[in-house]
Amino acid sequence: DASFDSIESGLFSVKCDVAISSVSITDARKAKMDFSTPYMDD
């Protein structure tokens, strides 16, 4: 259980293999992490 701030910042990589938490794909986030194939439009 991690705060969304820690997921969005990319710091989740310290403790986790991936983050799965209804994360919207954005250009800003792509600078800090990679994204899978999209699995939902939201």
PDB file of all heavy atoms in Angstrom:
ATOM      1  N   ASP A   1       0.858  -1.190   0.000  1.00  0.00           N
ATOM      2  CA  ASP A   1       0.000   0.000   0.000  1.00  0.00           C
ATOM      3  C   ASP A   1       0.891   1.235   0.000  1.00  0.00           C
ATOM      4  O   ASP A   1       1.601   1.502   0.968  1.00  0.00           O
ATOM      5  CB  ASP A   1      -0.903  -0.019   1.235  1.00  0.00           C
ATOM      6  CG  ASP A   1      -1.929   1.104   1.232  1.00  0.00           C
ATOM      7  OD1 ASP A   1      -1.967   1.880   0.252  1.00  0.00           O
ATOM      8  OD2 ASP A   1      -2.692   1.216   2.207  1.00  0.00           O
ATOM      9  N   ALA A   2       0.865   1.993  -1.109  1.00  0.00           N
ATOM     10  CA  ALA A   2       1.720   3.166  -1.271  1.00  0.00           C
ATOM     11  C   ALA A   2       0.878   4.384  -1.596  1.00  0.00           C
ATOM     12  O   ALA A   2      -0.170   4.275  -2.229  1.00  0.00           O
ATOM     13  CB  ALA A   2       2.729   2.918  -2.393  1.00  0.00           C
ATOM     14  N   SER A   3       1.315   5.545  -1.183  1.00  0.00           N
ATOM     15  CA  SER A   3       0.599   6.769  -1.537  1.00  0.00           C
ATOM     16  C   SER A   3       0.697   6.994  -3.040  1.00  0.00           C
ATOM     17  O   SER A   3       1.673   6.576  -3.684  1.00  0.00           O
ATOM     18  CB  SER A   3       1.199   7.970  -0.804  1.00  0.00           C
ATOM     19  OG  SER A   3       2.467   8.298  -1.344  1.00  0.00           O
ATOM     20  N   PHE A   4      -0.322   7.674  -3.605  1.00  0.00           N
ATOM     21  CA  PHE A   4      -0.274   7.932  -5.039  1.00  0.00           C
ATOM     22  C   PHE A   4       0.871   8.881  -5.375  1.00  0.00           C
ATOM     23  O   PHE A   4       1.434   8.826  -6.469  1.00  0.00           O
ATOM     24  CB  PHE A   4      -1.606   8.501  -5.537  1.00  0.00           C
ATOM     25  CG  PHE A   4      -1.772   8.355  -7.024  1.00  0.00           C
ATOM     26  CD1 PHE A   4      -2.213   7.169  -7.577  1.00  0.00           C
ATOM     27  CD2 PHE A   4      -1.446   9.395  -7.875  1.00  0.00           C
ATOM     28  CE1 PHE A   4      -2.333   7.016  -8.948  1.00  0.00           C
ATOM     29  CE2 PHE A   4      -1.573   9.263  -9.258  1.00  0.00           C
ATOM     30  CZ  PHE A   4      -2.020   8.071  -9.789  1.00  0.00           C
ATOM     31  N   ASP A   5       1.241   9.757  -4.432  1.00  0.00           N
ATOM     32  CA  ASP A   5       2.374  10.658  -4.653  1.00  0.00           C
ATOM     33  C   ASP A   5       3.645   9.860  -4.940  1.00  0.00           C
ATOM     34  O   ASP A   5       4.424  10.208  -5.824  1.00  0.00           O
ATOM     35  CB  ASP A   5       2.598  11.552  -3.431  1.00  0.00           C
ATOM     36  CG  ASP A   5       1.568  12.658  -3.313  1.00  0.00           C
ATOM     37  OD1 ASP A   5       1.023  13.065  -4.357  1.00  0.00           O
ATOM     38  OD2 ASP A   5       1.306  13.103  -2.192  1.00  0.00           O
ATOM     39  N   SER A   6       3.858   8.787  -4.168  1.00  0.00           N
ATOM     40  CA  SER A   6       5.066   7.988  -4.356  1.00  0.00           C
ATOM     41  C   SER A   6       5.030   7.235  -5.676  1.00  0.00           C
ATOM     42  O   SER A   6       6.065   6.982  -6.290  1.00  0.00           O
ATOM     43  CB  SER A   6       5.243   7.000  -3.199  1.00  0.00           C
ATOM     44  OG  SER A   6       4.269   5.971  -3.229  1.00  0.00           O
ATOM     45  N   ILE A   7       3.828   6.888  -6.117  1.00  0.00           N
ATOM     46  CA  ILE A   7       3.690   6.208  -7.416  1.00  0.00           C
ATOM     47  C   ILE A   7       3.933   7.192  -8.548  1.00  0.00           C
ATOM     48  O   ILE A   7       4.725   6.933  -9.461  1.00  0.00           O
ATOM     49  CB  ILE A   7       2.299   5.563  -7.538  1.00  0.00           C
ATOM     50  CG1 ILE A   7       2.160   4.407  -6.536  1.00  0.00           C
ATOM     51  CG2 ILE A   7       2.050   5.074  -8.964  1.00  0.00           C
ATOM     52  CD1 ILE A   7       0.769   3.820  -6.452  1.00  0.00           C
ATOM     53  N   GLU A   8       3.286   8.346  -8.488  1.00  0.00           N
ATOM     54  CA  GLU A   8       3.416   9.335  -9.563  1.00  0.00           C
ATOM     55  C   GLU A   8       4.848   9.841  -9.712  1.00  0.00           C
ATOM     56  O   GLU A   8       5.311  10.125 -10.815  1.00  0.00           O
ATOM     57  CB  GLU A   8       2.473  10.515  -9.311  1.00  0.00           C
ATOM     58  CG  GLU A   8       2.473  11.507 -10.457  1.00  0.00           C
ATOM     59  CD  GLU A   8       1.669  12.751 -10.164  1.00  0.00           C
ATOM     60  OE1 GLU A   8       1.778  13.282  -9.049  1.00  0.00           O
ATOM     61  OE2 GLU A   8       0.934  13.204 -11.058  1.00  0.00           O
ATOM     62  N   SER A   9       5.561   9.945  -8.606  1.00  0.00           N
ATOM     63  CA  SER A   9       6.933  10.443  -8.641  1.00  0.00           C
ATOM     64  C   SER A   9       7.915   9.435  -9.238  1.00  0.00           C
ATOM     65  O   SER A   9       9.030   9.788  -9.608  1.00  0.00           O
ATOM     66  CB  SER A   9       7.397  10.796  -7.225  1.00  0.00           C
ATOM     67  OG  SER A   9       7.534   9.624  -6.439  1.00  0.00           O
ATOM     68  N   GLY A  10       7.503   8.160  -9.312  1.00  0.00           N
ATOM     69  CA  GLY A  10       8.386   7.118  -9.797  1.00  0.00           C
ATOM     70  C   GLY A  10       9.191   6.456  -8.698  1.00  0.00           C
ATOM     71  O   GLY A  10       9.931   5.492  -8.942  1.00  0.00           O
ATOM     72  N   LEU A  11       9.057   6.932  -7.460  1.00  0.00           N
ATOM     73  CA  LEU A  11       9.827   6.376  -6.349  1.00  0.00           C
ATOM     74  C   LEU A  11       9.355   4.990  -5.929  1.00  0.00           C
ATOM     75  O   LEU A  11      10.000   4.329  -5.119  1.00  0.00           O
ATOM     76  CB  LEU A  11       9.777   7.336  -5.153  1.00  0.00           C
ATOM     77  CG  LEU A  11      10.447   8.697  -5.383  1.00  0.00           C
ATOM     78  CD1 LEU A  11      10.330   9.565  -4.136  1.00  0.00           C
ATOM     79  CD2 LEU A  11      11.911   8.532  -5.767  1.00  0.00           C
ATOM     80  N   PHE A  12       8.234   4.545  -6.495  1.00  0.00           N
ATOM     81  CA  PHE A  12       7.757   3.190  -6.206  1.00  0.00           C
ATOM     82  C   PHE A  12       8.803   2.144  -6.574  1.00  0.00           C
ATOM     83  O   PHE A  12       8.818   1.027  -6.036  1.00  0.00           O
ATOM     84  CB  PHE A  12       6.447   2.906  -6.950  1.00  0.00           C
ATOM     85  CG  PHE A  12       6.595   2.777  -8.439  1.00  0.00           C
ATOM     86  CD1 PHE A  12       6.904   1.559  -9.025  1.00  0.00           C
ATOM     87  CD2 PHE A  12       6.435   3.881  -9.266  1.00  0.00           C
ATOM     88  CE1 PHE A  12       7.044   1.432 -10.394  1.00  0.00           C
ATOM     89  CE2 PHE A  12       6.574   3.772 -10.646  1.00  0.00           C
ATOM     90  CZ  PHE A  12       6.884   2.535 -11.218  1.00  0.00           C
ATOM     91  N   SER A  13       9.701   2.474  -7.506  1.00  0.00           N
ATOM     92  CA  SER A  13      10.703   1.515  -7.978  1.00  0.00           C
ATOM     93  C   SER A  13      11.671   1.100  -6.887  1.00  0.00           C
ATOM     94  O   SER A  13      12.361   0.082  -7.015  1.00  0.00           O
ATOM     95  CB  SER A  13      11.482   2.105  -9.157  1.00  0.00           C
ATOM     96  OG  SER A  13      12.167   3.284  -8.772  1.00  0.00           O
ATOM     97  N   VAL A  14      11.738   1.856  -5.784  1.00  0.00           N
ATOM     98  CA  VAL A  14      12.606   1.489  -4.672  1.00  0.00           C
ATOM     99  C   VAL A  14      12.129   0.195  -4.035  1.00  0.00           C
ATOM    100  O   VAL A  14      12.919  -0.639  -3.607  1.00  0.00           O
ATOM    101  CB  VAL A  14      12.651   2.623  -3.618  1.00  0.00           C
ATOM    102  CG1 VAL A  14      13.442   2.190  -2.399  1.00  0.00           C
ATOM    103  CG2 VAL A  14      13.244   3.884  -4.225  1.00  0.00           C
ATOM    104  N   LYS A  15      10.808   0.019  -3.957  1.00  0.00           N
ATOM    105  CA  LYS A  15      10.239  -1.110  -3.237  1.00  0.00           C
ATOM    106  C   LYS A  15       9.493  -2.107  -4.116  1.00  0.00           C
ATOM    107  O   LYS A  15       9.227  -3.229  -3.688  1.00  0.00           O
ATOM    108  CB  LYS A  15       9.263  -0.589  -2.173  1.00  0.00           C
ATOM    109  CG  LYS A  15       9.909   0.193  -1.039  1.00  0.00           C
ATOM    110  CD  LYS A  15      10.645  -0.731  -0.089  1.00  0.00           C
ATOM    111  CE  LYS A  15      11.171   0.037   1.111  1.00  0.00           C
ATOM    112  NZ  LYS A  15      11.893  -0.829   2.063  1.00  0.00           N
ATOM    113  N   CYS A  16       9.097  -1.692  -5.333  1.00  0.00           N
ATOM    114  CA  CYS A  16       8.175  -2.511  -6.125  1.00  0.00           C
ATOM    115  C   CYS A  16       8.672  -2.770  -7.541  1.00  0.00           C
ATOM    116  O   CYS A  16       9.412  -1.964  -8.109  1.00  0.00           O
ATOM    117  CB  CYS A  16       6.802  -1.828  -6.193  1.00  0.00           C
ATOM    118  SG  CYS A  16       6.005  -1.647  -4.576  1.00  0.00           S
ATOM    119  N   ASP A  17       8.199  -3.876  -8.099  1.00  0.00           N
ATOM    120  CA  ASP A  17       8.505  -4.195  -9.493  1.00  0.00           C
ATOM    121  C   ASP A  17       7.690  -3.339 -10.445  1.00  0.00           C
ATOM    122  O   ASP A  17       8.170  -2.948 -11.517  1.00  0.00           O
ATOM    123  CB  ASP A  17       8.217  -5.675  -9.765  1.00  0.00           C
ATOM    124  CG  ASP A  17       9.119  -6.597  -8.959  1.00  0.00           C
ATOM    125  OD1 ASP A  17      10.348  -6.475  -9.096  1.00  0.00           O
ATOM    126  OD2 ASP A  17       8.591  -7.425  -8.196  1.00  0.00           O
ATOM    127  N   VAL A  18       6.443  -3.076 -10.085  1.00  0.00           N
ATOM    128  CA  VAL A  18       5.541  -2.249 -10.893  1.00  0.00           C
ATOM    129  C   VAL A  18       4.584  -1.511  -9.955  1.00  0.00           C
ATOM    130  O   VAL A  18       4.493  -1.826  -8.767  1.00  0.00           O
ATOM    131  CB  VAL A  18       4.695  -3.084 -11.898  1.00  0.00           C
ATOM    132  CG1 VAL A  18       5.582  -3.885 -12.832  1.00  0.00           C
ATOM    133  CG2 VAL A  18       3.723  -3.999 -11.153  1.00  0.00           C
ATOM    134  N   ALA A  19       3.871  -0.558 -10.520  1.00  0.00           N
ATOM    135  CA  ALA A  19       2.768   0.083  -9.812  1.00  0.00           C
ATOM    136  C   ALA A  19       1.505  -0.127 -10.632  1.00  0.00           C
ATOM    137  O   ALA A  19       1.479   0.186 -11.827  1.00  0.00           O
ATOM    138  CB  ALA A  19       3.023   1.579  -9.615  1.00  0.00           C
ATOM    139  N   ILE A  20       0.484  -0.680  -9.996  1.00  0.00           N
ATOM    140  CA  ILE A  20      -0.813  -0.880 -10.637  1.00  0.00           C
ATOM    141  C   ILE A  20      -1.843  -0.223  -9.750  1.00  0.00           C
ATOM    142  O   ILE A  20      -2.198  -0.745  -8.698  1.00  0.00           O
ATOM    143  CB  ILE A  20      -1.144  -2.376 -10.827  1.00  0.00           C
ATOM    144  CG1 ILE A  20       0.001  -3.089 -11.559  1.00  0.00           C
ATOM    145  CG2 ILE A  20      -2.444  -2.542 -11.606  1.00  0.00           C
ATOM    146  CD1 ILE A  20      -0.215  -4.580 -11.752  1.00  0.00           C
ATOM    147  N   SER A  21      -2.296   0.964 -10.167  1.00  0.00           N
ATOM    148  CA  SER A  21      -3.168   1.735  -9.283  1.00  0.00           C
ATOM    149  C   SER A  21      -3.972   2.762 -10.064  1.00  0.00           C
ATOM    150  O   SER A  21      -3.999   3.937  -9.724  1.00  0.00           O
ATOM    151  CB  SER A  21      -2.331   2.430  -8.202  1.00  0.00           C
ATOM    152  OG  SER A  21      -3.132   2.922  -7.157  1.00  0.00           O
ATOM    153  N   SER A  22      -4.625   2.308 -11.132  1.00  0.00           N
ATOM    154  CA  SER A  22      -5.401   3.212 -11.961  1.00  0.00           C
ATOM    155  C   SER A  22      -4.579   4.434 -12.352  1.00  0.00           C
ATOM    156  O   SER A  22      -5.009   5.566 -12.218  1.00  0.00           O
ATOM    157  CB  SER A  22      -6.674   3.641 -11.219  1.00  0.00           C
ATOM    158  OG  SER A  22      -7.520   4.404 -12.044  1.00  0.00           O
ATOM    159  N   VAL A  23      -3.379   4.189 -12.853  1.00  0.00           N
ATOM    160  CA  VAL A  23      -2.455   5.274 -13.188  1.00  0.00           C
ATOM    161  C   VAL A  23      -2.685   5.736 -14.627  1.00  0.00           C
ATOM    162  O   VAL A  23      -2.519   4.960 -15.574  1.00  0.00           O
ATOM    163  CB  VAL A  23      -0.988   4.823 -13.016  1.00  0.00           C
ATOM    164  CG1 VAL A  23      -0.049   6.009 -13.273  1.00  0.00           C
ATOM    165  CG2 VAL A  23      -0.756   4.249 -11.629  1.00  0.00           C
ATOM    166  N   SER A  24      -3.073   6.992 -14.792  1.00  0.00           N
ATOM    167  CA  SER A  24      -3.256   7.547 -16.134  1.00  0.00           C
ATOM    168  C   SER A  24      -1.901   7.790 -16.784  1.00  0.00           C
ATOM    169  O   SER A  24      -0.955   8.263 -16.140  1.00  0.00           O
ATOM    170  CB  SER A  24      -4.029   8.865 -16.066  1.00  0.00           C
ATOM    171  OG  SER A  24      -5.327   8.661 -15.579  1.00  0.00           O
ATOM    172  N   ILE A  25      -1.807   7.474 -18.064  1.00  0.00           N
ATOM    173  CA  ILE A  25      -0.565   7.659 -18.810  1.00  0.00           C
ATOM    174  C   ILE A  25      -0.471   9.117 -19.250  1.00  0.00           C
ATOM    175  O   ILE A  25      -1.333   9.617 -19.968  1.00  0.00           O
ATOM    176  CB  ILE A  25      -0.534   6.739 -20.036  1.00  0.00           C
ATOM    177  CG1 ILE A  25      -0.649   5.270 -19.613  1.00  0.00           C
ATOM    178  CG2 ILE A  25       0.746   6.965 -20.852  1.00  0.00           C
ATOM    179  CD1 ILE A  25      -0.883   4.308 -20.766  1.00  0.00           C
ATOM    180  N   THR A  26       0.569   9.803 -18.812  1.00  0.00           N
ATOM    181  CA  THR A  26       0.791  11.198 -19.206  1.00  0.00           C
ATOM    182  C   THR A  26       2.245  11.379 -19.621  1.00  0.00           C
ATOM    183  O   THR A  26       3.121  10.590 -19.233  1.00  0.00           O
ATOM    184  CB  THR A  26       0.492  12.175 -18.046  1.00  0.00           C
ATOM    185  OG1 THR A  26       1.473  12.001 -17.002  1.00  0.00           O
ATOM    186  CG2 THR A  26      -0.901  11.940 -17.469  1.00  0.00           C
ATOM    187  N   ASP A  27       2.522  12.437 -20.390  1.00  0.00           N
ATOM    188  CA  ASP A  27       3.890  12.705 -20.820  1.00  0.00           C
ATOM    189  C   ASP A  27       4.790  12.982 -19.620  1.00  0.00           C
ATOM    190  O   ASP A  27       5.955  12.566 -19.596  1.00  0.00           O
ATOM    191  CB  ASP A  27       3.922  13.890 -21.787  1.00  0.00           C
ATOM    192  CG  ASP A  27       3.327  13.543 -23.149  1.00  0.00           C
ATOM    193  OD1 ASP A  27       3.278  12.333 -23.483  1.00  0.00           O
ATOM    194  OD2 ASP A  27       2.911  14.472 -23.867  1.00  0.00           O
ATOM    195  N   ALA A  28       4.256  13.715 -18.631  1.00  0.00           N
ATOM    196  CA  ALA A  28       5.056  14.029 -17.442  1.00  0.00           C
ATOM    197  C   ALA A  28       5.450  12.756 -16.705  1.00  0.00           C
ATOM    198  O   ALA A  28       6.588  12.621 -16.238  1.00  0.00           O
ATOM    199  CB  ALA A  28       4.270  14.963 -16.520  1.00  0.00           C
ATOM    200  N   ARG A  29       4.527  11.822 -16.596  1.00  0.00           N
ATOM    201  CA  ARG A  29       4.833  10.571 -15.903  1.00  0.00           C
ATOM    202  C   ARG A  29       5.769   9.685 -16.723  1.00  0.00           C
ATOM    203  O   ARG A  29       6.571   8.945 -16.164  1.00  0.00           O
ATOM    204  CB  ARG A  29       3.537   9.836 -15.565  1.00  0.00           C
ATOM    205  CG  ARG A  29       2.724  10.537 -14.488  1.00  0.00           C
ATOM    206  CD  ARG A  29       1.352   9.939 -14.286  1.00  0.00           C
ATOM    207  NE  ARG A  29       0.599  10.688 -13.286  1.00  0.00           N
ATOM    208  CZ  ARG A  29      -0.697  10.542 -13.059  1.00  0.00           C
ATOM    209  NH1 ARG A  29      -1.404   9.670 -13.773  1.00  0.00           N
ATOM    210  NH2 ARG A  29      -1.300  11.255 -12.131  1.00  0.00           N
ATOM    211  N   LYS A  30       5.663   9.766 -18.043  1.00  0.00           N
ATOM    212  CA  LYS A  30       6.552   8.972 -18.901  1.00  0.00           C
ATOM    213  C   LYS A  30       8.016   9.358 -18.707  1.00  0.00           C
ATOM    214  O   LYS A  30       8.915   8.560 -18.974  1.00  0.00           O
ATOM    215  CB  LYS A  30       6.176   9.160 -20.375  1.00  0.00           C
ATOM    216  CG  LYS A  30       4.937   8.405 -20.817  1.00  0.00           C
ATOM    217  CD  LYS A  30       4.689   8.657 -22.289  1.00  0.00           C
ATOM    218  CE  LYS A  30       3.448   7.936 -22.786  1.00  0.00           C
ATOM    219  NZ  LYS A  30       3.211   8.220 -24.228  1.00  0.00           N
ATOM    220  N   ALA A  31       8.261  10.584 -18.246  1.00  0.00           N
ATOM    221  CA  ALA A  31       9.630  11.020 -18.002  1.00  0.00           C
ATOM    222  C   ALA A  31      10.225  10.318 -16.785  1.00  0.00           C
ATOM    223  O   ALA A  31      11.453  10.259 -16.629  1.00  0.00           O
ATOM    224  CB  ALA A  31       9.667  12.532 -17.800  1.00  0.00           C
ATOM    225  N   LYS A  32       9.352   9.760 -15.925  1.00  0.00           N
ATOM    226  CA  LYS A  32       9.814   9.150 -14.680  1.00  0.00           C
ATOM    227  C   LYS A  32       9.664   7.633 -14.663  1.00  0.00           C
ATOM    228  O   LYS A  32      10.239   6.962 -13.810  1.00  0.00           O
ATOM    229  CB  LYS A  32       9.024   9.734 -13.504  1.00  0.00           C
ATOM    230  CG  LYS A  32       9.098  11.241 -13.395  1.00  0.00           C
ATOM    231  CD  LYS A  32       8.093  11.761 -12.382  1.00  0.00           C
ATOM    232  CE  LYS A  32       8.045  13.278 -12.372  1.00  0.00           C
ATOM    233  NZ  LYS A  32       6.978  13.789 -11.477  1.00  0.00           N
ATOM    234  N   MET A  33       8.880   7.094 -15.584  1.00  0.00           N
ATOM    235  CA  MET A  33       8.600   5.651 -15.606  1.00  0.00           C
ATOM    236  C   MET A  33       8.154   5.259 -17.003  1.00  0.00           C
ATOM    237  O   MET A  33       7.804   6.112 -17.825  1.00  0.00           O
ATOM    238  CB  MET A  33       7.499   5.326 -14.594  1.00  0.00           C
ATOM    239  CG  MET A  33       6.151   5.944 -14.934  1.00  0.00           C
ATOM    240  SD  MET A  33       4.993   6.042 -13.530  1.00  0.00           S
ATOM    241  CE  MET A  33       5.644   7.488 -12.655  1.00  0.00           C
ATOM    242  N   ASP A  34       8.150   3.968 -17.273  1.00  0.00           N
ATOM    243  CA  ASP A  34       7.588   3.456 -18.522  1.00  0.00           C
ATOM    244  C   ASP A  34       6.182   2.935 -18.252  1.00  0.00           C
ATOM    245  O   ASP A  34       5.821   2.672 -17.097  1.00  0.00           O
ATOM    246  CB  ASP A  34       8.462   2.334 -19.090  1.00  0.00           C
ATOM    247  CG  ASP A  34       9.778   2.856 -19.645  1.00  0.00           C
ATOM    248  OD1 ASP A  34       9.797   3.998 -20.144  1.00  0.00           O
ATOM    249  OD2 ASP A  34      10.787   2.128 -19.564  1.00  0.00           O
ATOM    250  N   PHE A  35       5.412   2.785 -19.332  1.00  0.00           N
ATOM    251  CA  PHE A  35       4.042   2.311 -19.196  1.00  0.00           C
ATOM    252  C   PHE A  35       3.787   1.117 -20.101  1.00  0.00           C
ATOM    253  O   PHE A  35       4.349   1.011 -21.189  1.00  0.00           O
ATOM    254  CB  PHE A  35       3.037   3.418 -19.539  1.00  0.00           C
ATOM    255  CG  PHE A  35       2.806   4.391 -18.426  1.00  0.00           C
ATOM    256  CD1 PHE A  35       3.464   5.611 -18.403  1.00  0.00           C
ATOM    257  CD2 PHE A  35       1.942   4.087 -17.376  1.00  0.00           C
ATOM    258  CE1 PHE A  35       3.263   6.512 -17.384  1.00  0.00           C
ATOM    259  CE2 PHE A  35       1.732   4.984 -16.341  1.00  0.00           C
ATOM    260  CZ  PHE A  35       2.393   6.194 -16.340  1.00  0.00           C
ATOM    261  N   SER A  36       2.915   0.267 -19.620  1.00  0.00           N
ATOM    262  CA  SER A  36       2.468  -0.876 -20.406  1.00  0.00           C
ATOM    263  C   SER A  36       1.526  -0.428 -21.510  1.00  0.00           C
ATOM    264  O   SER A  36       1.174   0.751 -21.627  1.00  0.00           O
ATOM    265  CB  SER A  36       1.719  -1.847 -19.498  1.00  0.00           C
ATOM    266  OG  SER A  36       0.460  -1.273 -19.113  1.00  0.00           O
ATOM    267  N   THR A  37       1.083  -1.391 -22.302  1.00  0.00           N
ATOM    268  CA  THR A  37      -0.057  -1.173 -23.180  1.00  0.00           C
ATOM    269  C   THR A  37      -1.216  -0.646 -22.336  1.00  0.00           C
ATOM    270  O   THR A  37      -1.467  -1.166 -21.244  1.00  0.00           O
ATOM    271  CB  THR A  37      -0.488  -2.514 -23.808  1.00  0.00           C
ATOM    272  OG1 THR A  37       0.616  -3.078 -24.508  1.00  0.00           O
ATOM    273  CG2 THR A  37      -1.670  -2.323 -24.742  1.00  0.00           C
ATOM    274  N   PRO A  38      -1.938   0.382 -22.796  1.00  0.00           N
ATOM    275  CA  PRO A  38      -3.095   0.845 -22.028  1.00  0.00           C
ATOM    276  C   PRO A  38      -4.120  -0.271 -21.837  1.00  0.00           C
ATOM    277  O   PRO A  38      -4.358  -1.058 -22.748  1.00  0.00           O
ATOM    278  CB  PRO A  38      -3.677   1.966 -22.903  1.00  0.00           C
ATOM    279  CG  PRO A  38      -2.539   2.401 -23.759  1.00  0.00           C
ATOM    280  CD  PRO A  38      -1.731   1.163 -24.029  1.00  0.00           C
ATOM    281  N   TYR A  39      -4.698  -0.357 -20.647  1.00  0.00           N
ATOM    282  CA  TYR A  39      -5.703  -1.392 -20.412  1.00  0.00           C
ATOM    283  C   TYR A  39      -7.095  -0.839 -20.146  1.00  0.00           C
ATOM    284  O   TYR A  39      -8.039  -1.605 -19.977  1.00  0.00           O
ATOM    285  CB  TYR A  39      -5.275  -2.331 -19.276  1.00  0.00           C
ATOM    286  CG  TYR A  39      -5.131  -1.703 -17.904  1.00  0.00           C
ATOM    287  CD1 TYR A  39      -6.213  -1.594 -17.039  1.00  0.00           C
ATOM    288  CD2 TYR A  39      -3.893  -1.264 -17.448  1.00  0.00           C
ATOM    289  CE1 TYR A  39      -6.086  -1.047 -15.770  1.00  0.00           C
ATOM    290  CE2 TYR A  39      -3.749  -0.721 -16.190  1.00  0.00           C
ATOM    291  CZ  TYR A  39      -4.846  -0.615 -15.350  1.00  0.00           C
ATOM    292  OH  TYR A  39      -4.708  -0.075 -14.095  1.00  0.00           O
ATOM    293  N   MET A  40      -7.246   0.496 -20.125  1.00  0.00           N
ATOM    294  CA  MET A  40      -8.576   1.079 -19.992  1.00  0.00           C
ATOM    295  C   MET A  40      -8.570   2.536 -20.429  1.00  0.00           C
ATOM    296  O   MET A  40      -7.592   3.255 -20.195  1.00  0.00           O
ATOM    297  CB  MET A  40      -9.070   0.991 -18.539  1.00  0.00           C
ATOM    298  CG  MET A  40     -10.421   1.675 -18.310  1.00  0.00           C
ATOM    299  SD  MET A  40     -11.003   1.573 -16.591  1.00  0.00           S
ATOM    300  CE  MET A  40     -11.824  -0.007 -16.643  1.00  0.00           C
ATOM    301  N   ASP A  41      -9.638   2.979 -21.087  1.00  0.00           N
ATOM    302  CA  ASP A  41      -9.874   4.392 -21.336  1.00  0.00           C
ATOM    303  C   ASP A  41     -10.633   4.949 -20.137  1.00  0.00           C
ATOM    304  O   ASP A  41     -11.582   4.319 -19.666  1.00  0.00           O
ATOM    305  CB  ASP A  41     -10.721   4.598 -22.599  1.00  0.00           C
ATOM    306  CG  ASP A  41      -9.976   4.184 -23.867  1.00  0.00           C
ATOM    307  OD1 ASP A  41      -8.729   4.098 -23.822  1.00  0.00           O
ATOM    308  OD2 ASP A  41     -10.640   3.951 -24.892  1.00  0.00           O
ATOM    309  N   ASP A  42     -10.222   6.118 -19.637  1.00  0.00           N
ATOM    310  CA  ASP A  42     -10.829   6.613 -18.399  1.00  0.00           C
ATOM    311  C   ASP A  42     -10.836   8.135 -18.343  1.00  0.00           C
ATOM    312  O   ASP A  42      -9.942   8.758 -17.772  1.00  0.00           O
ATOM    313  CB  ASP A  42     -10.070   6.047 -17.193  1.00  0.00           C
ATOM    314  CG  ASP A  42     -10.873   6.103 -15.911  1.00  0.00           C
ATOM    315  OD1 ASP A  42     -12.095   6.304 -15.987  1.00  0.00           O
ATOM    316  OD2 ASP A  42     -10.271   5.937 -14.837  1.00  0.00           O
TER     317      ASP A  42
END
